[in-house]
Amino acid sequence: MADQEYQATGVRIDRSLRSLTRAGQIRISGGRLSLLTSYGTEIDSAPLGAVEAHKPLFAARDRALAVLNGNRYSLTLGGARDRFLKAVEAARRPRA
């Protein structure tokens, strides 16, 4: 499974009140979710089975929350939030 299943660029990634990058990347590939800086340096990565991703109740429509390795990240995805959440769900489902 070397091919990428999902990739988003230009993503703002925050942890707590700290901005980690304003133009980061998200990749779902090989059963892992990776958060990367704009230079391609890995911020965090985890198997999809251990990732929690959802939309927050009271936030802008372009935001998603992800928990990787116990760290909570706020992702500002622009209009791609729903595609990201669907890609996480689709990648978690077993393939027949």
C-alpha atoms as a PDB file:
ATOM      1  CA  MET A   1       0.000   0.000   0.000  1.00  0.00           C
ATOM      2  CA  ALA A   2       2.527   2.619  -1.055  1.00  0.00           C
ATOM      3  CA  ASP A   3      -0.076   4.817  -2.723  1.00  0.00           C
ATOM      4  CA  GLN A   4      -1.586   7.711  -0.813  1.00  0.00           C
ATOM      5  CA  GLU A   5      -5.243   7.451   0.055  1.00  0.00           C
ATOM      6  CA  TYR A   6      -5.707  11.113   1.071  1.00  0.00           C
ATOM      7  CA  GLN A   7      -3.604  14.267   1.150  1.00  0.00           C
ATOM      8  CA  ALA A   8      -4.453  17.849   2.097  1.00  0.00           C
ATOM      9  CA  THR A   9      -2.118  20.840   1.968  1.00  0.00           C
ATOM     10  CA  GLY A  10      -2.397  24.346   3.359  1.00  0.00           C
ATOM     11  CA  VAL A  11      -3.744  23.070   6.683  1.00  0.00           C
ATOM     12  CA  ARG A  12      -3.334  25.087   9.868  1.00  0.00           C
ATOM     13  CA  ILE A  13      -2.364  22.738  12.705  1.00  0.00           C
ATOM     14  CA  ASP A  14      -2.696  23.905  16.319  1.00  0.00           C
ATOM     15  CA  ARG A  15      -2.039  22.095  19.586  1.00  0.00           C
ATOM     16  CA  SER A  16      -3.570  23.701  22.683  1.00  0.00           C
ATOM     17  CA  LEU A  17      -3.139  27.440  22.135  1.00  0.00           C
ATOM     18  CA  ARG A  18       0.026  27.036  20.089  1.00  0.00           C
ATOM     19  CA  SER A  19       0.107  27.145  16.290  1.00  0.00           C
ATOM     20  CA  LEU A  20       2.464  24.489  14.941  1.00  0.00           C
ATOM     21  CA  THR A  21       2.140  25.428  11.277  1.00  0.00           C
ATOM     22  CA  ARG A  22      -0.106  27.576   9.104  1.00  0.00           C
ATOM     23  CA  ALA A  23       0.503  25.689   5.880  1.00  0.00           C
ATOM     24  CA  GLY A  24       0.872  22.074   6.975  1.00  0.00           C
ATOM     25  CA  GLN A  25      -0.055  18.812   5.328  1.00  0.00           C
ATOM     26  CA  ILE A  26      -2.206  15.835   6.264  1.00  0.00           C
ATOM     27  CA  ARG A  27      -1.561  12.414   4.754  1.00  0.00           C
ATOM     28  CA  ILE A  28      -3.397   9.144   5.074  1.00  0.00           C
ATOM     29  CA  SER A  29      -1.248   6.420   3.620  1.00  0.00           C
ATOM     30  CA  GLY A  30      -0.565   2.800   4.463  1.00  0.00           C
ATOM     31  CA  GLY A  31      -3.053   2.791   7.312  1.00  0.00           C
ATOM     32  CA  ARG A  32      -1.438   5.777   9.091  1.00  0.00           C
ATOM     33  CA  LEU A  33      -2.435   9.389   9.567  1.00  0.00           C
ATOM     34  CA  SER A  34       0.497  11.824   9.453  1.00  0.00           C
ATOM     35  CA  LEU A  35       0.562  15.524  10.284  1.00  0.00           C
ATOM     36  CA  LEU A  36       3.426  17.330   8.556  1.00  0.00           C
ATOM     37  CA  THR A  37       4.837  20.852   8.494  1.00  0.00           C
ATOM     38  CA  SER A  38       4.986  22.822   5.255  1.00  0.00           C
ATOM     39  CA  TYR A  39       8.554  21.521   4.807  1.00  0.00           C
ATOM     40  CA  GLY A  40       7.485  17.893   5.163  1.00  0.00           C
ATOM     41  CA  THR A  41       8.795  17.370   8.696  1.00  0.00           C
ATOM     42  CA  GLU A  42       6.576  15.054  10.693  1.00  0.00           C
ATOM     43  CA  ILE A  43       4.690  16.638  13.603  1.00  0.00           C
ATOM     44  CA  ASP A  44       2.901  13.458  14.660  1.00  0.00           C
ATOM     45  CA  SER A  45       1.803  10.152  13.164  1.00  0.00           C
ATOM     46  CA  ALA A  46      -0.381   7.271  14.332  1.00  0.00           C
ATOM     47  CA  PRO A  47      -2.142   4.177  12.977  1.00  0.00           C
ATOM     48  CA  LEU A  48      -5.711   4.956  11.934  1.00  0.00           C
ATOM     49  CA  GLY A  49      -7.085   2.521  14.495  1.00  0.00           C
ATOM     50  CA  ALA A  50      -5.712   4.745  17.270  1.00  0.00           C
ATOM     51  CA  VAL A  51      -6.842   8.070  15.750  1.00  0.00           C
ATOM     52  CA  GLU A  52      -9.950   9.940  16.814  1.00  0.00           C
ATOM     53  CA  ALA A  53     -11.215  12.556  14.355  1.00  0.00           C
ATOM     54  CA  HIS A  54     -14.430  14.540  14.537  1.00  0.00           C
ATOM     55  CA  LYS A  55     -15.940  17.956  13.996  1.00  0.00           C
ATOM     56  CA  PRO A  56     -16.215  20.155  17.092  1.00  0.00           C
ATOM     57  CA  LEU A  57     -19.646  21.232  18.280  1.00  0.00           C
ATOM     58  CA  PHE A  58     -19.016  24.963  18.550  1.00  0.00           C
ATOM     59  CA  ALA A  59     -16.390  25.941  16.002  1.00  0.00           C
ATOM     60  CA  ALA A  60     -16.077  27.218  12.472  1.00  0.00           C
ATOM     61  CA  ARG A  61     -17.227  24.940   9.660  1.00  0.00           C
ATOM     62  CA  ASP A  62     -13.687  24.460   8.381  1.00  0.00           C
ATOM     63  CA  ARG A  63     -12.306  22.968  11.628  1.00  0.00           C
ATOM     64  CA  ALA A  64     -11.773  19.383  12.709  1.00  0.00           C
ATOM     65  CA  LEU A  65     -10.281  17.871  15.843  1.00  0.00           C
ATOM     66  CA  ALA A  66      -7.887  14.932  15.773  1.00  0.00           C
ATOM     67  CA  VAL A  67      -6.322  13.014  18.650  1.00  0.00           C
ATOM     68  CA  LEU A  68      -3.062  11.234  17.827  1.00  0.00           C
ATOM     69  CA  ASN A  69      -0.975   9.513  20.509  1.00  0.00           C
ATOM     70  CA  GLY A  70      -2.879  11.336  23.230  1.00  0.00           C
ATOM     71  CA  ASN A  71      -2.220  14.779  21.705  1.00  0.00           C
ATOM     72  CA  ARG A  72      -5.226  16.853  20.617  1.00  0.00           C
ATOM     73  CA  TYR A  73      -4.805  18.824  17.397  1.00  0.00           C
ATOM     74  CA  SER A  74      -7.098  21.451  15.922  1.00  0.00           C
ATOM     75  CA  LEU A  75      -7.035  21.328  12.116  1.00  0.00           C
ATOM     76  CA  THR A  76      -8.259  24.202   9.952  1.00  0.00           C
ATOM     77  CA  LEU A  77      -8.897  22.589   6.581  1.00  0.00           C
ATOM     78  CA  GLY A  78     -10.833  25.208   4.653  1.00  0.00           C
ATOM     79  CA  GLY A  79     -13.616  23.535   2.702  1.00  0.00           C
ATOM     80  CA  ALA A  80     -12.013  20.085   2.932  1.00  0.00           C
ATOM     81  CA  ARG A  81     -13.126  19.203   6.473  1.00  0.00           C
ATOM     82  CA  ASP A  82     -15.850  16.779   5.444  1.00  0.00           C
ATOM     83  CA  ARG A  83     -13.573  15.079   2.894  1.00  0.00           C
ATOM     84  CA  PHE A  84     -10.954  14.603   5.624  1.00  0.00           C
ATOM     85  CA  LEU A  85     -13.445  13.058   8.038  1.00  0.00           C
ATOM     86  CA  LYS A  86     -14.829  10.766   5.316  1.00  0.00           C
ATOM     87  CA  ALA A  87     -11.291   9.712   4.327  1.00  0.00           C
ATOM     88  CA  VAL A  88     -10.483   8.779   7.938  1.00  0.00           C
ATOM     89  CA  GLU A  89     -13.677   6.724   8.205  1.00  0.00           C
ATOM     90  CA  ALA A  90     -13.117   5.043   4.834  1.00  0.00           C
ATOM     91  CA  ALA A  91      -9.503   4.170   5.676  1.00  0.00           C
ATOM     92  CA  ARG A  92     -10.568   2.624   9.008  1.00  0.00           C
ATOM     93  CA  ARG A  93     -13.090   0.278   7.385  1.00  0.00           C
ATOM     94  CA  PRO A  94     -11.765  -3.210   6.575  1.00  0.00           C
ATOM     95  CA  ARG A  95     -11.460  -3.941   2.891  1.00  0.00           C
ATOM     96  CA  ALA A  96     -13.116  -6.993   1.385  1.00  0.00           C
END
